[in-house]
Amino acid sequence: MSERVFEAFREDAERLTEVPAFELIERQGRSLRRRRRAVGAAVAASVLGLTGFLAIGDETPEEPLPAEDPEPSSLVTPYPGPTMTTLEKGTYEFASPPVRFTVPPGWNAWMGPNRFEGMGPQVTDNEKVLDQGGVDWYVGLFLIELDRMTGRDCISVDVFDHSTPAFARALARIPGLDVTSGPESTVRFGRPAVHLRLCANAEETCPWILRTPLGYASGVEAGNTYDAWVVDLDGRPFLVWAEWTRKAPNAEVRALLAIIDTIEIVAKGP
């Protein structure tokens, strides 16, 4: 085939051959590349997320548990009052003022929890034991608002409107009691308080030393120790009064002081 004929044939072939739409192909290619990049980014994000998750810990983290109520109201028992019955282990609350405390098993219900060793295993009536006397040892706790206490010459002194420091000074002047520690201003049970410890001497005693609006709360017996916390209860003095006899076992005294450590005053202002 001559060169001239070949050129003529090539020109005819070029005219008859459809030229690809390069612009359309290029647009489709750009779209495809964008989709691939989007898919790749999503996969990379998933991989990174998984990698980061695995980097935090080898185990799946547990869902956070709901906050626990440290003392659900259903677990707080109203204090039964001076019934001289044996208390179950648990947390109790006075109705007025609202004061909570926790006792171990084997304590009795009186104006506050107490324990004692009586006249023998045949005696089952706790109140009769205390009325008849002859108790070998005794430990007890009062949580009380007082209106009167014993003053000089065993004369009743009105302390209803006393401030916390004045109330503590009145305690320190009770006949028959010697101050062995304090008074010390401090914070206890989340409130301002004055602490002092007293011991009953053998030279002078009064029939009673503390009185509440409901009646007498405590007397004096030579050799007894009294651990007193006068707490500022929203402007009113509130008395945490622990006492134990000379023969009380050290373990029982420690248990009594441990109950004091559990006290929570939940009363608010009037």
Protein backbone atom coordinates (compact mmCIF):
# COMPACT_ATOMS: atom_id res chain seq x y z
CA MET A 1 0.00 0.00 0.00
CA SER A 2 1.38 3.35 -1.08
CA GLU A 3 1.98 6.09 1.50
CA ARG A 4 -0.74 8.29 -0.03
CA VAL A 5 -3.35 5.51 0.15
CA PHE A 6 -2.35 4.75 3.77
CA GLU A 7 -2.78 8.37 4.83
CA ALA A 8 -6.22 8.50 3.21
CA PHE A 9 -7.23 5.29 5.02
CA ARG A 10 -6.00 6.63 8.37
CA GLU A 11 -7.98 9.82 7.96
CA ASP A 12 -11.15 7.84 7.19
CA ALA A 13 -10.53 5.62 10.28
CA GLU A 14 -10.08 8.63 12.55
CA ARG A 15 -13.31 10.15 11.32
CA LEU A 16 -15.24 6.91 11.93
CA THR A 17 -13.71 6.12 15.38
CA GLU A 18 -15.67 7.55 18.37
CA VAL A 19 -13.44 9.56 20.68
CA PRO A 20 -13.90 8.69 24.38
CA ALA A 21 -15.53 11.37 26.57
CA PHE A 22 -12.42 12.15 28.62
CA GLU A 23 -14.09 14.94 30.59
CA LEU A 24 -16.89 12.61 31.71
CA ILE A 25 -14.40 9.89 32.61
CA GLU A 26 -12.34 12.39 34.55
CA ARG A 27 -15.40 13.58 36.50
CA GLN A 28 -16.38 10.01 37.26
CA GLY A 29 -12.83 9.30 38.39
CA ARG A 30 -12.85 12.26 40.77
CA SER A 31 -16.19 11.13 42.19
CA LEU A 32 -14.91 7.58 42.61
CA ARG A 33 -11.76 8.82 44.31
CA ARG A 34 -13.84 10.94 46.72
CA ARG A 35 -15.99 7.94 47.63
CA ARG A 36 -12.91 5.83 48.17
CA ARG A 37 -11.38 8.50 50.38
CA ALA A 38 -14.62 8.78 52.40
CA VAL A 39 -14.82 5.02 52.85
CA GLY A 40 -11.15 4.89 53.76
CA ALA A 41 -11.55 7.65 56.32
CA ALA A 42 -14.52 5.89 57.91
CA VAL A 43 -12.58 2.63 58.08
CA ALA A 44 -9.57 4.45 59.52
CA ALA A 45 -11.74 6.14 62.11
CA SER A 46 -13.22 2.82 63.10
CA VAL A 47 -9.79 1.25 63.35
CA LEU A 48 -8.44 4.18 65.34
CA GLY A 49 -11.44 4.11 67.62
CA LEU A 50 -11.01 0.42 68.23
CA THR A 51 -7.26 0.84 68.67
CA GLY A 52 -7.79 3.66 71.12
CA PHE A 53 -10.36 1.61 72.97
CA LEU A 54 -8.00 -1.33 73.19
CA ALA A 55 -5.19 0.96 74.26
CA ILE A 56 -7.24 2.14 77.21
CA GLY A 57 -7.72 -1.31 78.63
CA ASP A 58 -7.83 -4.93 77.73
CA GLU A 59 -11.28 -5.37 79.25
CA THR A 60 -14.55 -3.74 78.44
CA PRO A 61 -15.13 -1.03 81.08
CA GLU A 62 -18.05 -1.71 83.34
CA GLU A 63 -20.92 0.70 83.34
CA PRO A 64 -20.79 3.01 86.36
CA LEU A 65 -22.96 1.79 89.20
CA PRO A 66 -25.53 4.15 90.66
CA ALA A 67 -24.38 6.00 93.75
CA GLU A 68 -25.13 4.02 96.85
CA ASP A 69 -27.11 5.56 99.67
CA PRO A 70 -24.74 5.17 102.67
CA GLU A 71 -27.69 4.91 105.02
CA PRO A 72 -30.97 4.21 103.24
CA SER A 73 -33.94 5.30 105.30
CA SER A 74 -35.26 1.73 105.21
CA LEU A 75 -32.23 0.64 107.24
CA VAL A 76 -32.73 3.23 109.99
CA THR A 77 -34.97 2.10 112.86
CA PRO A 78 -36.82 4.51 115.15
CA TYR A 79 -35.32 4.29 118.60
CA PRO A 80 -37.81 2.46 120.87
CA GLY A 81 -37.20 4.67 123.92
CA PRO A 82 -36.81 3.55 127.55
CA THR A 83 -38.28 0.09 127.08
CA MET A 84 -35.37 -1.88 128.51
CA THR A 85 -35.51 -4.30 125.61
CA THR A 86 -32.50 -5.76 123.83
CA LEU A 87 -31.63 -3.89 120.64
CA GLU A 88 -30.81 -5.60 117.38
CA LYS A 89 -27.58 -4.62 115.70
CA GLY A 90 -28.21 -1.64 113.44
CA THR A 91 -28.71 2.09 113.07
CA TYR A 92 -31.33 3.88 115.16
CA GLU A 93 -32.71 7.40 115.12
CA PHE A 94 -34.23 9.56 117.82
CA ALA A 95 -37.31 11.40 116.62
CA SER A 96 -36.54 14.69 118.37
CA PRO A 97 -33.97 15.92 117.82
CA PRO A 98 -33.12 13.62 114.90
CA VAL A 99 -29.90 11.88 115.97
CA ARG A 100 -28.65 8.64 114.44
CA PHE A 101 -26.21 6.14 115.89
CA THR A 102 -25.24 2.53 115.28
CA VAL A 103 -25.04 -0.13 117.98
CA PRO A 104 -23.58 -3.64 117.97
CA PRO A 105 -25.76 -6.55 119.08
CA GLY A 106 -26.59 -7.06 122.74
CA TRP A 107 -27.25 -3.49 123.85
CA ASN A 108 -30.39 -2.44 125.71
CA ALA A 109 -32.84 0.37 124.99
CA TRP A 110 -33.17 2.99 127.71
CA MET A 111 -32.89 6.77 127.40
CA GLY A 112 -29.90 5.75 125.34
CA PRO A 113 -28.26 2.39 124.59
CA ASN A 114 -26.66 0.67 127.57
CA ARG A 115 -25.13 -2.57 128.74
CA PHE A 116 -24.55 -4.00 132.20
CA GLU A 117 -23.81 -7.18 134.10
CA GLY A 118 -26.66 -7.98 136.49
CA MET A 119 -27.19 -10.13 139.55
CA GLY A 120 -27.02 -13.48 137.79
CA PRO A 121 -28.26 -15.48 134.81
CA GLN A 122 -31.63 -16.10 136.49
CA VAL A 123 -32.46 -12.35 136.26
CA THR A 124 -34.05 -11.54 132.92
CA ASP A 125 -35.87 -8.28 133.68
CA ASN A 126 -33.32 -5.57 132.92
CA GLU A 127 -35.34 -2.82 134.56
CA LYS A 128 -35.68 -4.86 137.77
CA VAL A 129 -31.91 -5.30 137.85
CA LEU A 130 -31.33 -1.56 137.79
CA ASP A 131 -34.10 -0.85 140.31
CA GLN A 132 -32.82 -3.41 142.80
CA GLY A 133 -29.19 -2.41 142.46
CA GLY A 134 -26.29 -4.79 142.76
CA VAL A 135 -25.22 -4.33 139.14
CA ASP A 136 -21.62 -5.45 138.74
CA TRP A 137 -20.84 -2.96 136.01
CA TYR A 138 -22.67 -0.55 133.72
CA VAL A 139 -21.94 1.42 130.52
CA GLY A 140 -24.50 3.72 128.92
CA LEU A 141 -25.11 6.65 126.63
CA PHE A 142 -27.60 9.52 126.85
CA LEU A 143 -28.40 11.83 123.93
CA ILE A 144 -30.50 14.52 125.56
CA GLU A 145 -31.60 18.12 125.67
CA LEU A 146 -31.63 19.21 129.32
CA ASP A 147 -33.71 21.81 131.09
CA ARG A 148 -32.11 21.49 134.54
CA MET A 149 -29.01 20.10 136.21
CA THR A 150 -27.70 19.95 139.75
CA GLY A 151 -25.77 22.94 141.05
CA ARG A 152 -24.11 23.88 144.32
CA ASP A 153 -25.66 22.26 147.41
CA CYS A 154 -27.57 19.93 145.05
CA ILE A 155 -29.92 22.77 144.10
CA SER A 156 -31.61 22.50 140.72
CA VAL A 157 -30.27 24.97 138.15
CA ASP A 158 -32.22 26.03 135.06
CA VAL A 159 -29.99 25.58 131.99
CA PHE A 160 -32.64 25.66 129.26
CA ASP A 161 -31.42 28.96 127.77
CA HIS A 162 -27.70 28.43 128.39
CA SER A 163 -25.20 28.83 125.59
CA THR A 164 -22.94 25.89 124.82
CA PRO A 165 -19.97 27.26 126.86
CA ALA A 166 -22.23 28.23 129.79
CA PHE A 167 -23.79 24.77 129.69
CA ALA A 168 -20.34 23.17 129.82
CA ARG A 169 -19.37 25.37 132.79
CA ALA A 170 -22.50 24.26 134.61
CA LEU A 171 -21.51 20.62 134.03
CA ALA A 172 -18.07 21.32 135.47
CA ARG A 173 -19.67 22.69 138.67
CA ILE A 174 -21.92 19.72 139.43
CA PRO A 175 -21.34 18.67 143.06
CA GLY A 176 -19.63 15.33 143.46
CA LEU A 177 -17.94 15.44 140.06
CA ASP A 178 -14.29 16.27 139.45
CA VAL A 179 -13.18 17.46 136.02
CA THR A 180 -10.36 15.17 134.88
CA SER A 181 -10.03 16.47 131.32
CA GLY A 182 -11.10 19.67 129.54
CA PRO A 183 -13.21 21.66 128.97
CA GLU A 184 -11.93 21.76 125.40
CA SER A 185 -13.59 23.63 122.54
CA THR A 186 -13.60 21.55 119.38
CA VAL A 187 -15.78 20.36 116.49
CA ARG A 188 -17.57 17.03 116.86
CA PHE A 189 -20.42 15.44 114.92
CA GLY A 190 -19.94 18.23 112.37
CA ARG A 191 -20.79 20.99 114.86
CA PRO A 192 -19.08 23.20 117.45
CA ALA A 193 -18.76 21.37 120.75
CA VAL A 194 -17.16 21.47 124.18
CA HIS A 195 -15.67 18.25 125.54
CA LEU A 196 -14.91 17.40 129.15
CA ARG A 197 -14.50 14.25 131.18
CA LEU A 198 -15.55 13.97 134.81
CA CYS A 199 -15.26 11.42 137.61
CA ALA A 200 -17.57 11.03 140.60
CA ASN A 201 -15.78 11.37 143.93
CA ALA A 202 -16.75 9.70 147.19
CA GLU A 203 -17.03 12.84 149.29
CA GLU A 204 -20.16 14.42 147.92
CA THR A 205 -22.99 13.11 145.76
CA CYS A 206 -26.48 14.23 144.83
CA PRO A 207 -29.49 12.00 144.11
CA TRP A 208 -29.51 13.15 140.49
CA ILE A 209 -27.41 15.45 138.32
CA LEU A 210 -29.25 15.72 134.98
CA ARG A 211 -32.93 16.29 134.29
CA THR A 212 -34.81 16.39 131.01
CA PRO A 213 -38.31 17.78 130.40
CA LEU A 214 -39.49 14.15 130.64
CA GLY A 215 -37.80 13.37 133.95
CA TYR A 216 -34.49 12.57 135.59
CA ALA A 217 -31.80 11.28 133.30
CA SER A 218 -28.79 10.45 135.44
CA GLY A 219 -27.60 10.20 139.01
CA VAL A 220 -24.16 9.99 140.54
CA GLU A 221 -22.29 6.97 141.85
CA ALA A 222 -18.84 7.27 143.35
CA GLY A 223 -16.15 6.06 140.98
CA ASN A 224 -18.21 6.52 137.82
CA THR A 225 -16.61 8.19 134.81
CA TYR A 226 -18.60 10.59 132.62
CA ASP A 227 -17.55 11.60 129.11
CA ALA A 228 -19.52 14.67 128.05
CA TRP A 229 -19.89 16.44 124.71
CA VAL A 230 -21.90 19.66 124.77
CA VAL A 231 -22.87 20.20 121.14
CA ASP A 232 -24.20 23.40 119.63
CA LEU A 233 -27.43 22.22 118.04
CA ASP A 234 -28.39 25.28 115.98
CA GLY A 235 -28.08 27.57 118.97
CA ARG A 236 -29.30 25.09 121.59
CA PRO A 237 -26.95 22.96 123.73
CA PHE A 238 -27.33 19.25 123.16
CA LEU A 239 -25.64 16.75 125.47
CA VAL A 240 -23.91 13.54 124.44
CA TRP A 241 -23.32 11.91 127.82
CA ALA A 242 -21.49 8.60 128.19
CA GLU A 243 -20.94 7.00 131.56
CA TRP A 244 -19.39 3.84 132.91
CA THR A 245 -18.79 2.34 136.33
CA ARG A 246 -15.40 1.63 137.84
CA LYS A 247 -15.61 -2.12 137.16
CA ALA A 248 -16.77 -1.81 133.56
CA PRO A 249 -14.53 -3.95 131.31
CA ASN A 250 -12.28 -1.97 129.00
CA ALA A 251 -13.80 -3.71 125.97
CA GLU A 252 -17.27 -2.49 126.97
CA VAL A 253 -16.00 1.08 127.43
CA ARG A 254 -14.36 0.96 124.00
CA ALA A 255 -17.62 -0.29 122.49
CA LEU A 256 -19.46 2.60 124.15
CA LEU A 257 -17.01 5.16 122.76
CA ALA A 258 -17.27 3.48 119.34
CA ILE A 259 -21.03 4.09 119.38
CA ILE A 260 -20.31 7.77 120.01
CA ASP A 261 -18.11 7.78 116.90
CA THR A 262 -21.13 6.73 114.80
CA ILE A 263 -23.38 9.58 115.99
CA GLU A 264 -24.85 11.72 113.22
CA ILE A 265 -26.86 14.79 114.16
CA VAL A 266 -29.30 15.41 111.33
CA ALA A 267 -31.38 18.11 113.02
CA LYS A 268 -31.74 21.44 111.26
CA GLY A 269 -32.52 24.85 112.58
CA PRO A 270 -36.03 25.56 113.87
